[in-house]
Amino acid sequence: MTDPVMPIPHFYDITIPMRSGVAVWPGDTPFAFHLSWKMADGDTVNVGAVTMSVHTGTHADAPFHFEAHGARIGEVDLNPYFGPAIVVDVTGQTPIDVSAFVAIDFVATPRVLLRTNAWTDHTRFPESVPTLTPEAVAFLGQAGAILLGLDLPSVDAIDSRELPLHHALNRAGIRILESLDLSSVPPGPYELIALPLKLTEADGSPVRALLRSLPGKSE
């Protein structure tokens, strides 16, 4: 008897590439990379330096980002950023209401990733984005969600100053991932790996976000 062949997990890299010209929030620090030491100039190694906002590209928000005494990213629980997740296609839904979430099994997939397809040119910051209704955020909290990710640079409206959805999600114990690239990911369940850096004082962190197909799921 031969052993059954186990399927090789399929990975999706859902990280926006970090390079010169990537869109940042208007007025925030632009991304820049340069070589401080160069082998081409006779140095023994190449050594690079990066200047950027911690909210550049695909990133995790810490509560300190929007609450004066909130937790910094280096002290938040890592559990929400690693484990079973579900990608939900909400293309064209404005606003995104409770109907987008009623079919989710939150026990099996408590991390929810929204594919809106509303921001596809990552060199241009969007003027507006679709947002969730307050009722949808309340539903996620009551249902047991522990993370909300989306393919937009903010979970709140671009012109919002009060950031009510950031605050509501935090009160519900739901962590936030922003600026994912879900354009090539079919809806359905996956394993999410999107760990923030241990930046002890920071209000957020870039992440390298991946989705891995679950055992028994074909792509």
N, C-alpha and C. Protein backbone atom coordinates (compact mmCIF):
# COMPACT_ATOMS: atom_id res chain seq x y z
N MET A 1 0.85 -1.19 0.00
CA MET A 1 0.00 0.00 0.00
C MET A 1 0.89 1.24 0.00
N THR A 2 0.60 2.14 -0.89
CA THR A 2 1.36 3.38 -0.96
C THR A 2 0.68 4.45 -0.11
N ASP A 3 1.51 5.32 0.44
CA ASP A 3 0.97 6.41 1.23
C ASP A 3 0.26 7.40 0.31
N PRO A 4 -0.86 7.98 0.76
CA PRO A 4 -1.54 8.98 -0.07
C PRO A 4 -0.66 10.20 -0.27
N VAL A 5 -0.75 10.77 -1.46
CA VAL A 5 0.04 11.96 -1.78
C VAL A 5 -0.66 13.17 -1.17
N MET A 6 0.05 13.88 -0.32
CA MET A 6 -0.51 15.07 0.30
C MET A 6 -0.36 16.26 -0.64
N PRO A 7 -1.42 17.04 -0.85
CA PRO A 7 -1.32 18.19 -1.74
C PRO A 7 -0.36 19.22 -1.19
N ILE A 8 0.39 19.86 -2.08
CA ILE A 8 1.31 20.91 -1.68
C ILE A 8 0.50 22.19 -1.47
N PRO A 9 0.61 22.81 -0.28
CA PRO A 9 -0.16 24.03 -0.05
C PRO A 9 0.18 25.12 -1.06
N HIS A 10 -0.84 25.84 -1.48
CA HIS A 10 -0.64 26.93 -2.41
C HIS A 10 -0.62 28.25 -1.64
N PHE A 11 0.35 29.10 -1.94
CA PHE A 11 0.48 30.38 -1.26
C PHE A 11 0.06 31.52 -2.19
N TYR A 12 -0.60 32.49 -1.61
CA TYR A 12 -0.82 33.78 -2.27
C TYR A 12 -0.07 34.84 -1.46
N ASP A 13 0.77 35.60 -2.13
CA ASP A 13 1.41 36.74 -1.50
C ASP A 13 0.46 37.93 -1.66
N ILE A 14 -0.11 38.39 -0.57
CA ILE A 14 -1.12 39.46 -0.64
C ILE A 14 -0.54 40.78 -0.13
N THR A 15 0.78 40.94 -0.32
CA THR A 15 1.49 42.13 0.12
C THR A 15 1.70 43.08 -1.05
N ILE A 16 1.41 44.34 -0.86
CA ILE A 16 1.73 45.35 -1.87
C ILE A 16 3.25 45.53 -1.92
N PRO A 17 3.87 45.48 -3.11
CA PRO A 17 5.32 45.66 -3.19
C PRO A 17 5.77 47.02 -2.64
N MET A 18 6.83 46.99 -1.87
CA MET A 18 7.39 48.22 -1.29
C MET A 18 8.49 48.73 -2.21
N ARG A 19 8.21 49.82 -2.88
CA ARG A 19 9.18 50.38 -3.82
C ARG A 19 8.90 51.87 -3.99
N SER A 20 9.84 52.55 -4.59
CA SER A 20 9.68 53.97 -4.84
C SER A 20 8.41 54.22 -5.65
N GLY A 21 7.62 55.17 -5.22
CA GLY A 21 6.39 55.49 -5.93
C GLY A 21 5.15 54.85 -5.35
N VAL A 22 5.29 53.92 -4.39
CA VAL A 22 4.10 53.33 -3.78
C VAL A 22 3.33 54.44 -3.06
N ALA A 23 2.02 54.41 -3.16
CA ALA A 23 1.19 55.47 -2.60
C ALA A 23 1.27 55.49 -1.08
N VAL A 24 1.32 56.69 -0.51
CA VAL A 24 1.25 56.87 0.93
C VAL A 24 0.15 57.89 1.21
N TRP A 25 -0.31 57.90 2.44
CA TRP A 25 -1.32 58.87 2.85
C TRP A 25 -0.79 60.28 2.55
N PRO A 26 -1.58 61.14 1.92
CA PRO A 26 -1.10 62.49 1.56
C PRO A 26 -0.47 63.20 2.76
N GLY A 27 0.77 63.61 2.59
CA GLY A 27 1.51 64.28 3.65
C GLY A 27 2.36 63.37 4.49
N ASP A 28 2.18 62.04 4.36
CA ASP A 28 2.98 61.11 5.14
C ASP A 28 4.35 60.90 4.48
N THR A 29 5.25 60.20 5.18
CA THR A 29 6.61 59.98 4.71
C THR A 29 6.63 59.07 3.50
N PRO A 30 7.18 59.50 2.37
CA PRO A 30 7.25 58.61 1.21
C PRO A 30 8.26 57.50 1.41
N PHE A 31 8.05 56.39 0.71
CA PHE A 31 8.99 55.28 0.79
C PHE A 31 10.26 55.60 0.01
N ALA A 32 11.41 55.28 0.61
CA ALA A 32 12.69 55.47 -0.08
C ALA A 32 13.67 54.40 0.39
N PHE A 33 14.44 53.86 -0.53
CA PHE A 33 15.50 52.90 -0.23
C PHE A 33 16.78 53.39 -0.89
N HIS A 34 17.91 53.33 -0.15
CA HIS A 34 19.19 53.64 -0.77
C HIS A 34 20.26 52.77 -0.15
N LEU A 35 21.35 52.59 -0.88
CA LEU A 35 22.49 51.83 -0.39
C LEU A 35 23.46 52.77 0.30
N SER A 36 23.66 52.54 1.60
CA SER A 36 24.63 53.34 2.34
C SER A 36 26.06 52.89 2.04
N TRP A 37 26.24 51.57 1.90
CA TRP A 37 27.51 50.99 1.47
C TRP A 37 27.26 50.27 0.15
N LYS A 38 28.21 50.40 -0.78
CA LYS A 38 28.02 49.82 -2.10
C LYS A 38 29.26 49.03 -2.52
N MET A 39 29.06 47.78 -2.90
CA MET A 39 30.17 46.98 -3.41
C MET A 39 30.71 47.58 -4.71
N ALA A 40 29.84 48.22 -5.48
CA ALA A 40 30.28 48.85 -6.73
C ALA A 40 31.25 50.00 -6.48
N ASP A 41 31.20 50.55 -5.25
CA ASP A 41 32.12 51.64 -4.90
C ASP A 41 33.33 51.14 -4.12
N GLY A 42 33.47 49.80 -3.98
CA GLY A 42 34.61 49.25 -3.29
C GLY A 42 34.35 48.75 -1.89
N ASP A 43 33.11 48.92 -1.38
CA ASP A 43 32.80 48.38 -0.06
C ASP A 43 32.71 46.86 -0.12
N THR A 44 32.92 46.22 1.02
CA THR A 44 32.94 44.75 1.04
C THR A 44 31.54 44.14 0.96
N VAL A 45 30.51 44.93 1.28
CA VAL A 45 29.12 44.46 1.24
C VAL A 45 28.23 45.59 0.77
N ASN A 46 27.03 45.23 0.34
CA ASN A 46 25.97 46.21 0.13
C ASN A 46 25.14 46.30 1.41
N VAL A 47 24.89 47.52 1.87
CA VAL A 47 24.06 47.74 3.05
C VAL A 47 23.03 48.82 2.72
N GLY A 48 21.78 48.46 2.85
CA GLY A 48 20.70 49.37 2.49
C GLY A 48 20.05 50.02 3.69
N ALA A 49 19.38 51.13 3.44
CA ALA A 49 18.61 51.84 4.45
C ALA A 49 17.24 52.19 3.87
N VAL A 50 16.22 52.13 4.71
CA VAL A 50 14.85 52.40 4.30
C VAL A 50 14.29 53.55 5.12
N THR A 51 13.61 54.46 4.44
CA THR A 51 12.84 55.51 5.10
C THR A 51 11.39 55.34 4.68
N MET A 52 10.48 55.29 5.66
CA MET A 52 9.08 55.05 5.32
C MET A 52 8.21 55.29 6.55
N SER A 53 6.93 55.49 6.30
CA SER A 53 5.93 55.46 7.36
C SER A 53 5.61 54.01 7.68
N VAL A 54 5.26 53.71 8.93
CA VAL A 54 4.88 52.34 9.27
C VAL A 54 3.52 51.97 8.68
N HIS A 55 2.85 52.95 8.06
CA HIS A 55 1.56 52.68 7.41
C HIS A 55 1.70 52.65 5.89
N THR A 56 2.91 52.45 5.41
CA THR A 56 3.15 52.32 3.98
C THR A 56 2.82 50.91 3.53
N GLY A 57 2.09 50.80 2.42
CA GLY A 57 1.79 49.48 1.87
C GLY A 57 0.99 48.64 2.85
N THR A 58 1.17 47.32 2.79
CA THR A 58 0.43 46.39 3.61
C THR A 58 0.91 46.47 5.05
N HIS A 59 -0.01 46.77 5.97
CA HIS A 59 0.42 47.06 7.34
C HIS A 59 -0.67 46.73 8.35
N ALA A 60 -0.25 46.59 9.59
CA ALA A 60 -1.14 46.40 10.72
C ALA A 60 -1.22 47.69 11.53
N ASP A 61 -2.45 48.08 11.89
CA ASP A 61 -2.65 49.22 12.78
C ASP A 61 -2.61 48.75 14.24
N ALA A 62 -1.89 49.48 15.06
CA ALA A 62 -1.97 49.26 16.52
C ALA A 62 -3.00 50.22 17.09
N PRO A 63 -3.63 49.89 18.21
CA PRO A 63 -4.56 50.83 18.84
C PRO A 63 -3.95 52.21 19.09
N PHE A 64 -2.64 52.27 19.36
CA PHE A 64 -1.97 53.55 19.59
C PHE A 64 -2.05 54.47 18.37
N HIS A 65 -2.31 53.92 17.21
CA HIS A 65 -2.43 54.73 16.00
C HIS A 65 -3.58 55.73 16.12
N PHE A 66 -4.65 55.34 16.79
CA PHE A 66 -5.84 56.20 16.84
C PHE A 66 -6.36 56.43 18.26
N GLU A 67 -5.66 55.90 19.27
CA GLU A 67 -6.01 56.14 20.66
C GLU A 67 -4.75 56.54 21.43
N ALA A 68 -4.81 57.66 22.12
CA ALA A 68 -3.61 58.22 22.74
C ALA A 68 -2.92 57.26 23.70
N HIS A 69 -3.69 56.42 24.36
CA HIS A 69 -3.11 55.49 25.33
C HIS A 69 -3.30 54.04 24.91
N GLY A 70 -3.49 53.82 23.62
CA GLY A 70 -3.69 52.47 23.12
C GLY A 70 -2.40 51.66 23.08
N ALA A 71 -2.55 50.37 22.91
CA ALA A 71 -1.39 49.48 22.85
C ALA A 71 -0.53 49.76 21.62
N ARG A 72 0.78 49.68 21.80
CA ARG A 72 1.71 49.81 20.68
C ARG A 72 1.79 48.47 19.94
N ILE A 73 2.27 48.51 18.71
CA ILE A 73 2.25 47.30 17.89
C ILE A 73 3.16 46.22 18.47
N GLY A 74 4.22 46.61 19.17
CA GLY A 74 5.13 45.61 19.73
C GLY A 74 4.58 44.86 20.91
N GLU A 75 3.42 45.28 21.44
CA GLU A 75 2.86 44.61 22.60
C GLU A 75 1.50 43.97 22.34
N VAL A 76 1.00 44.04 21.12
CA VAL A 76 -0.30 43.43 20.85
C VAL A 76 -0.15 41.91 20.73
N ASP A 77 -1.23 41.20 20.99
CA ASP A 77 -1.27 39.75 20.84
C ASP A 77 -1.11 39.40 19.37
N LEU A 78 -0.24 38.43 19.08
CA LEU A 78 0.01 38.06 17.68
C LEU A 78 -1.03 37.09 17.13
N ASN A 79 -1.83 36.48 17.98
CA ASN A 79 -2.77 35.47 17.53
C ASN A 79 -3.68 35.92 16.38
N PRO A 80 -4.20 37.15 16.39
CA PRO A 80 -5.08 37.54 15.28
C PRO A 80 -4.41 37.54 13.91
N TYR A 81 -3.10 37.64 13.87
CA TYR A 81 -2.39 37.79 12.60
C TYR A 81 -1.94 36.46 11.99
N PHE A 82 -2.32 35.35 12.63
CA PHE A 82 -1.83 34.06 12.15
C PHE A 82 -2.90 33.01 12.44
N GLY A 83 -3.48 32.42 11.37
CA GLY A 83 -4.46 31.38 11.57
C GLY A 83 -5.55 31.40 10.51
N PRO A 84 -6.60 30.59 10.69
CA PRO A 84 -7.65 30.47 9.69
C PRO A 84 -8.36 31.80 9.41
N ALA A 85 -8.55 32.06 8.13
CA ALA A 85 -9.18 33.31 7.69
C ALA A 85 -10.08 33.02 6.51
N ILE A 86 -10.94 33.97 6.19
CA ILE A 86 -11.80 33.83 5.03
C ILE A 86 -11.75 35.10 4.20
N VAL A 87 -11.62 34.94 2.89
CA VAL A 87 -11.66 36.05 1.94
C VAL A 87 -13.09 36.18 1.44
N VAL A 88 -13.64 37.37 1.58
CA VAL A 88 -15.02 37.65 1.18
C VAL A 88 -15.00 38.72 0.09
N ASP A 89 -15.62 38.43 -1.04
CA ASP A 89 -15.68 39.40 -2.14
C ASP A 89 -16.88 40.31 -1.94
N VAL A 90 -16.60 41.60 -1.75
CA VAL A 90 -17.67 42.59 -1.56
C VAL A 90 -17.59 43.65 -2.66
N THR A 91 -17.07 43.27 -3.82
CA THR A 91 -16.93 44.20 -4.93
C THR A 91 -18.26 44.88 -5.23
N GLY A 92 -18.23 46.21 -5.28
CA GLY A 92 -19.41 46.98 -5.62
C GLY A 92 -20.33 47.30 -4.47
N GLN A 93 -20.09 46.74 -3.29
CA GLN A 93 -20.95 47.02 -2.14
C GLN A 93 -20.54 48.34 -1.48
N THR A 94 -21.45 49.28 -1.47
CA THR A 94 -21.19 50.57 -0.83
C THR A 94 -22.49 51.07 -0.19
N PRO A 95 -22.58 51.07 1.13
CA PRO A 95 -21.57 50.60 2.07
C PRO A 95 -21.59 49.09 2.19
N ILE A 96 -20.63 48.55 2.93
CA ILE A 96 -20.54 47.11 3.18
C ILE A 96 -21.35 46.81 4.42
N ASP A 97 -22.46 46.08 4.25
CA ASP A 97 -23.37 45.89 5.37
C ASP A 97 -23.31 44.47 5.92
N VAL A 98 -24.19 44.17 6.85
CA VAL A 98 -24.18 42.89 7.56
C VAL A 98 -24.32 41.71 6.60
N SER A 99 -25.00 41.91 5.48
CA SER A 99 -25.23 40.80 4.54
C SER A 99 -23.93 40.18 4.05
N ALA A 100 -22.82 40.92 4.07
CA ALA A 100 -21.54 40.39 3.62
C ALA A 100 -20.99 39.33 4.56
N PHE A 101 -21.50 39.26 5.79
CA PHE A 101 -20.87 38.44 6.83
C PHE A 101 -21.77 37.33 7.39
N VAL A 102 -23.04 37.32 7.04
CA VAL A 102 -23.97 36.41 7.72
C VAL A 102 -23.68 34.94 7.44
N ALA A 103 -23.02 34.63 6.31
CA ALA A 103 -22.77 33.22 5.97
C ALA A 103 -21.44 32.70 6.52
N ILE A 104 -20.68 33.53 7.22
CA ILE A 104 -19.35 33.14 7.69
C ILE A 104 -19.46 32.29 8.96
N ASP A 105 -18.68 31.23 9.01
CA ASP A 105 -18.52 30.44 10.23
C ASP A 105 -17.35 31.04 11.00
N PHE A 106 -17.65 31.89 11.97
CA PHE A 106 -16.60 32.62 12.68
C PHE A 106 -15.81 31.73 13.64
N VAL A 107 -16.35 30.59 14.00
CA VAL A 107 -15.58 29.64 14.81
C VAL A 107 -14.45 29.06 13.97
N ALA A 108 -14.75 28.72 12.72
CA ALA A 108 -13.75 28.14 11.83
C ALA A 108 -12.80 29.18 11.26
N THR A 109 -13.31 30.37 10.95
CA THR A 109 -12.50 31.42 10.30
C THR A 109 -12.81 32.77 10.95
N PRO A 110 -12.17 33.06 12.09
CA PRO A 110 -12.46 34.32 12.79
C PRO A 110 -11.72 35.54 12.23
N ARG A 111 -10.89 35.34 11.22
CA ARG A 111 -10.18 36.45 10.58
C ARG A 111 -10.85 36.69 9.22
N VAL A 112 -11.30 37.91 8.97
CA VAL A 112 -12.10 38.23 7.79
C VAL A 112 -11.33 39.21 6.91
N LEU A 113 -11.14 38.85 5.65
CA LEU A 113 -10.43 39.69 4.69
C LEU A 113 -11.40 40.08 3.58
N LEU A 114 -11.55 41.39 3.36
CA LEU A 114 -12.51 41.90 2.39
C LEU A 114 -11.82 42.29 1.09
N ARG A 115 -12.29 41.69 0.00
CA ARG A 115 -11.81 42.04 -1.34
C ARG A 115 -12.83 42.98 -1.96
N THR A 116 -12.50 44.27 -1.98
CA THR A 116 -13.40 45.27 -2.54
C THR A 116 -13.10 45.59 -3.99
N ASN A 117 -11.85 45.38 -4.41
CA ASN A 117 -11.38 45.74 -5.75
C ASN A 117 -11.60 47.22 -6.06
N ALA A 118 -11.64 48.05 -5.00
CA ALA A 118 -11.89 49.48 -5.18
C ALA A 118 -10.62 50.30 -5.29
N TRP A 119 -9.46 49.67 -5.07
CA TRP A 119 -8.17 50.39 -5.16
C TRP A 119 -7.18 49.46 -5.83
N THR A 120 -6.94 49.69 -7.09
CA THR A 120 -6.09 48.78 -7.86
C THR A 120 -4.76 49.40 -8.29
N ASP A 121 -4.68 50.73 -8.35
CA ASP A 121 -3.44 51.41 -8.72
C ASP A 121 -2.75 51.86 -7.45
N HIS A 122 -1.77 51.10 -7.00
CA HIS A 122 -1.13 51.37 -5.72
C HIS A 122 -0.08 52.47 -5.80
N THR A 123 0.01 53.14 -6.93
CA THR A 123 0.86 54.33 -7.04
C THR A 123 0.05 55.61 -6.85
N ARG A 124 -1.27 55.48 -6.75
CA ARG A 124 -2.15 56.64 -6.57
C ARG A 124 -3.03 56.43 -5.34
N PHE A 125 -2.99 57.38 -4.43
CA PHE A 125 -3.81 57.25 -3.23
C PHE A 125 -5.27 57.52 -3.59
N PRO A 126 -6.19 56.68 -3.13
CA PRO A 126 -7.59 56.85 -3.53
C PRO A 126 -8.23 58.08 -2.90
N GLU A 127 -9.18 58.68 -3.63
CA GLU A 127 -9.91 59.82 -3.10
C GLU A 127 -11.03 59.38 -2.16
N SER A 128 -11.54 58.17 -2.36
CA SER A 128 -12.59 57.65 -1.50
C SER A 128 -12.51 56.13 -1.49
N VAL A 129 -13.09 55.51 -0.47
CA VAL A 129 -13.10 54.05 -0.35
C VAL A 129 -14.45 53.62 0.22
N PRO A 130 -14.90 52.40 -0.10
CA PRO A 130 -16.11 51.88 0.54
C PRO A 130 -15.83 51.56 2.00
N THR A 131 -16.82 51.73 2.85
CA THR A 131 -16.65 51.48 4.28
C THR A 131 -17.77 50.58 4.80
N LEU A 132 -17.53 50.02 5.97
CA LEU A 132 -18.54 49.19 6.62
C LEU A 132 -19.58 50.07 7.33
N THR A 133 -20.77 49.56 7.44
CA THR A 133 -21.77 50.22 8.28
C THR A 133 -21.45 49.94 9.74
N PRO A 134 -21.87 50.83 10.66
CA PRO A 134 -21.68 50.55 12.08
C PRO A 134 -22.33 49.23 12.50
N GLU A 135 -23.45 48.89 11.89
CA GLU A 135 -24.11 47.63 12.20
C GLU A 135 -23.26 46.44 11.81
N ALA A 136 -22.54 46.56 10.69
CA ALA A 136 -21.67 45.46 10.25
C ALA A 136 -20.51 45.26 11.21
N VAL A 137 -19.93 46.36 11.71
CA VAL A 137 -18.85 46.26 12.69
C VAL A 137 -19.37 45.62 13.98
N ALA A 138 -20.55 46.03 14.41
CA ALA A 138 -21.13 45.44 15.62
C ALA A 138 -21.38 43.95 15.43
N PHE A 139 -21.84 43.58 14.25
CA PHE A 139 -22.08 42.16 13.97
C PHE A 139 -20.78 41.37 14.04
N LEU A 140 -19.71 41.90 13.46
CA LEU A 140 -18.42 41.21 13.51
C LEU A 140 -17.97 40.99 14.95
N GLY A 141 -18.14 42.01 15.79
CA GLY A 141 -17.74 41.87 17.18
C GLY A 141 -18.56 40.83 17.92
N GLN A 142 -19.86 40.83 17.69
CA GLN A 142 -20.74 39.87 18.36
C GLN A 142 -20.51 38.45 17.85
N ALA A 143 -20.12 38.32 16.59
CA ALA A 143 -19.94 37.00 15.99
C ALA A 143 -18.63 36.35 16.37
N GLY A 144 -17.67 37.12 16.87
CA GLY A 144 -16.40 36.55 17.31
C GLY A 144 -15.23 36.77 16.37
N ALA A 145 -15.33 37.74 15.46
CA ALA A 145 -14.19 38.06 14.61
C ALA A 145 -13.04 38.60 15.46
N ILE A 146 -11.80 38.28 15.07
CA ILE A 146 -10.64 38.78 15.81
C ILE A 146 -9.73 39.64 14.94
N LEU A 147 -9.99 39.66 13.62
CA LEU A 147 -9.20 40.50 12.72
C LEU A 147 -10.05 40.84 11.51
N LEU A 148 -9.92 42.08 11.05
CA LEU A 148 -10.52 42.52 9.79
C LEU A 148 -9.42 43.07 8.91
N GLY A 149 -9.26 42.49 7.73
CA GLY A 149 -8.31 42.99 6.75
C GLY A 149 -9.05 43.41 5.50
N LEU A 150 -8.47 44.34 4.77
CA LEU A 150 -9.11 44.79 3.54
C LEU A 150 -8.08 45.36 2.58
N ASP A 151 -8.47 45.42 1.31
CA ASP A 151 -7.56 45.86 0.26
C ASP A 151 -7.64 47.37 0.05
N LEU A 152 -7.74 48.11 1.13
CA LEU A 152 -7.86 49.57 1.12
C LEU A 152 -6.89 50.16 2.14
N PRO A 153 -6.49 51.43 1.97
CA PRO A 153 -5.53 52.01 2.91
C PRO A 153 -6.14 52.43 4.24
N SER A 154 -7.47 52.38 4.36
CA SER A 154 -8.10 52.70 5.64
C SER A 154 -9.44 52.00 5.74
N VAL A 155 -9.77 51.57 6.95
CA VAL A 155 -11.09 50.99 7.19
C VAL A 155 -12.15 52.08 7.32
N ASP A 156 -11.72 53.31 7.60
CA ASP A 156 -12.63 54.45 7.66
C ASP A 156 -12.59 55.24 6.36
N ALA A 157 -13.54 56.14 6.21
CA ALA A 157 -13.56 57.02 5.05
C ALA A 157 -12.26 57.84 5.00
N ILE A 158 -11.78 58.12 3.80
CA ILE A 158 -10.51 58.83 3.63
C ILE A 158 -10.53 60.18 4.32
N ASP A 159 -11.66 60.88 4.30
CA ASP A 159 -11.74 62.22 4.88
C ASP A 159 -12.16 62.21 6.35
N SER A 160 -12.26 61.03 6.97
CA SER A 160 -12.68 60.95 8.37
C SER A 160 -11.57 61.42 9.30
N ARG A 161 -11.95 62.23 10.27
CA ARG A 161 -11.01 62.66 11.30
C ARG A 161 -11.25 61.94 12.62
N GLU A 162 -12.48 61.49 12.84
CA GLU A 162 -12.81 60.82 14.10
C GLU A 162 -12.51 59.32 14.06
N LEU A 163 -12.41 58.73 12.87
CA LEU A 163 -12.11 57.31 12.68
C LEU A 163 -13.03 56.41 13.52
N PRO A 164 -14.34 56.54 13.34
CA PRO A 164 -15.27 55.78 14.19
C PRO A 164 -15.15 54.27 14.02
N LEU A 165 -14.84 53.79 12.82
CA LEU A 165 -14.76 52.34 12.62
C LEU A 165 -13.48 51.77 13.24
N HIS A 166 -12.38 52.50 13.18
CA HIS A 166 -11.18 52.08 13.89
C HIS A 166 -11.48 51.88 15.38
N HIS A 167 -12.14 52.87 15.97
CA HIS A 167 -12.44 52.81 17.40
C HIS A 167 -13.42 51.67 17.71
N ALA A 168 -14.44 51.52 16.87
CA ALA A 168 -15.44 50.47 17.12
C ALA A 168 -14.82 49.08 17.00
N LEU A 169 -13.95 48.88 16.01
CA LEU A 169 -13.29 47.59 15.86
C LEU A 169 -12.39 47.30 17.07
N ASN A 170 -11.69 48.32 17.53
CA ASN A 170 -10.81 48.12 18.69
C ASN A 170 -11.62 47.77 19.93
N ARG A 171 -12.73 48.44 20.13
CA ARG A 171 -13.58 48.13 21.29
C ARG A 171 -14.09 46.69 21.23
N ALA A 172 -14.27 46.19 20.01
CA ALA A 172 -14.74 44.82 19.84
C ALA A 172 -13.62 43.79 19.88
N GLY A 173 -12.38 44.25 20.07
CA GLY A 173 -11.24 43.33 20.13
C GLY A 173 -10.82 42.81 18.77
N ILE A 174 -11.08 43.58 17.72
CA ILE A 174 -10.77 43.17 16.35
C ILE A 174 -9.58 43.97 15.84
N ARG A 175 -8.50 43.27 15.47
CA ARG A 175 -7.32 43.94 14.92
C ARG A 175 -7.54 44.28 13.44
N ILE A 176 -6.74 45.23 12.95
CA ILE A 176 -6.95 45.79 11.61
C ILE A 176 -5.71 45.58 10.75
N LEU A 177 -5.92 45.01 9.56
CA LEU A 177 -4.90 44.95 8.51
C LEU A 177 -5.40 45.79 7.33
N GLU A 178 -4.53 46.64 6.80
CA GLU A 178 -4.93 47.51 5.69
C GLU A 178 -3.97 47.36 4.51
N SER A 179 -4.48 47.74 3.34
CA SER A 179 -3.70 47.74 2.09
C SER A 179 -3.21 46.35 1.70
N LEU A 180 -4.09 45.37 1.79
CA LEU A 180 -3.79 44.04 1.26
C LEU A 180 -3.97 44.05 -0.26
N ASP A 181 -3.36 43.10 -0.93
CA ASP A 181 -3.58 42.88 -2.36
C ASP A 181 -4.29 41.54 -2.52
N LEU A 182 -5.60 41.59 -2.65
CA LEU A 182 -6.41 40.38 -2.77
C LEU A 182 -6.92 40.18 -4.19
N SER A 183 -6.35 40.89 -5.15
CA SER A 183 -6.89 40.91 -6.51
C SER A 183 -6.88 39.54 -7.19
N SER A 184 -5.95 38.67 -6.83
CA SER A 184 -5.85 37.37 -7.49
C SER A 184 -6.31 36.22 -6.60
N VAL A 185 -6.92 36.54 -5.45
CA VAL A 185 -7.28 35.50 -4.48
C VAL A 185 -8.77 35.16 -4.61
N PRO A 186 -9.11 33.91 -4.92
CA PRO A 186 -10.51 33.52 -4.94
C PRO A 186 -11.12 33.58 -3.54
N PRO A 187 -12.38 33.95 -3.43
CA PRO A 187 -13.03 33.93 -2.12
C PRO A 187 -12.99 32.53 -1.50
N GLY A 188 -12.96 32.49 -0.17
CA GLY A 188 -12.95 31.21 0.51
C GLY A 188 -12.03 31.20 1.70
N PRO A 189 -11.89 30.04 2.35
CA PRO A 189 -11.07 29.92 3.56
C PRO A 189 -9.59 29.68 3.24
N TYR A 190 -8.73 30.23 4.09
CA TYR A 190 -7.28 30.10 3.96
C TYR A 190 -6.67 30.14 5.35
N GLU A 191 -5.35 29.97 5.39
CA GLU A 191 -4.57 30.29 6.58
C GLU A 191 -3.85 31.60 6.32
N LEU A 192 -3.99 32.54 7.22
CA LEU A 192 -3.35 33.85 7.11
C LEU A 192 -2.06 33.87 7.91
N ILE A 193 -1.00 34.42 7.30
CA ILE A 193 0.25 34.69 8.01
C ILE A 193 0.59 36.15 7.70
N ALA A 194 0.50 37.03 8.69
CA ALA A 194 0.73 38.47 8.46
C ALA A 194 1.25 39.10 9.74
N LEU A 195 2.42 38.69 10.19
CA LEU A 195 2.94 39.12 11.49
C LEU A 195 3.57 40.51 11.42
N PRO A 196 3.17 41.40 12.33
CA PRO A 196 3.84 42.71 12.42
C PRO A 196 5.22 42.59 13.05
N LEU A 197 6.07 43.54 12.75
CA LEU A 197 7.39 43.59 13.38
C LEU A 197 7.25 43.99 14.85
N LYS A 198 8.23 43.60 15.64
CA LYS A 198 8.21 43.92 17.08
C LYS A 198 8.80 45.31 17.31
N LEU A 199 8.07 46.31 16.82
CA LEU A 199 8.48 47.70 16.96
C LEU A 199 7.85 48.21 18.26
N THR A 200 8.65 48.29 19.31
CA THR A 200 8.10 48.44 20.65
C THR A 200 7.36 49.75 20.87
N GLU A 201 7.69 50.79 20.14
CA GLU A 201 7.07 52.10 20.36
C GLU A 201 6.11 52.50 19.25
N ALA A 202 5.93 51.67 18.23
CA ALA A 202 5.27 52.11 17.01
C ALA A 202 3.75 51.99 17.06
N ASP A 203 3.11 52.80 16.24
CA ASP A 203 1.65 52.81 16.12
C ASP A 203 1.16 51.88 15.02
N GLY A 204 2.06 51.17 14.40
CA GLY A 204 1.72 50.21 13.35
C GLY A 204 2.97 49.55 12.84
N SER A 205 2.80 48.66 11.88
CA SER A 205 3.96 47.96 11.33
C SER A 205 3.66 47.43 9.94
N PRO A 206 4.63 47.52 9.03
CA PRO A 206 4.48 46.78 7.77
C PRO A 206 4.46 45.28 8.06
N VAL A 207 3.78 44.53 7.21
CA VAL A 207 3.75 43.08 7.32
C VAL A 207 3.99 42.47 5.96
N ARG A 208 4.54 41.25 5.94
CA ARG A 208 4.57 40.44 4.72
C ARG A 208 3.40 39.47 4.85
N ALA A 209 2.33 39.73 4.14
CA ALA A 209 1.09 39.00 4.32
C ALA A 209 0.97 37.88 3.28
N LEU A 210 0.68 36.68 3.77
CA LEU A 210 0.50 35.51 2.92
C LEU A 210 -0.80 34.81 3.27
N LEU A 211 -1.39 34.18 2.26
CA LEU A 211 -2.49 33.26 2.47
C LEU A 211 -2.07 31.90 1.97
N ARG A 212 -2.35 30.86 2.75
CA ARG A 212 -2.03 29.49 2.36
C ARG A 212 -3.32 28.69 2.27
N SER A 213 -3.43 27.93 1.18
CA SER A 213 -4.63 27.09 1.03
C SER A 213 -4.69 26.09 2.14
N LEU A 214 -5.90 25.78 2.58
CA LEU A 214 -6.11 24.82 3.66
C LEU A 214 -6.07 23.39 3.13
N PRO A 215 -5.69 22.42 3.95
CA PRO A 215 -5.66 21.04 3.51
C PRO A 215 -7.03 20.61 2.95
N GLY A 216 -6.97 19.96 1.78
CA GLY A 216 -8.20 19.49 1.16
C GLY A 216 -8.89 20.48 0.28
N LYS A 217 -8.36 21.74 0.23
CA LYS A 217 -8.96 22.75 -0.62
C LYS A 217 -8.16 22.86 -1.90
N SER A 218 -8.80 22.75 -3.03
CA SER A 218 -8.14 22.91 -4.31
C SER A 218 -8.28 24.33 -4.78
N GLU A 219 -7.26 24.80 -5.50
CA GLU A 219 -7.26 26.18 -6.01
C GLU A 219 -7.55 26.18 -7.50
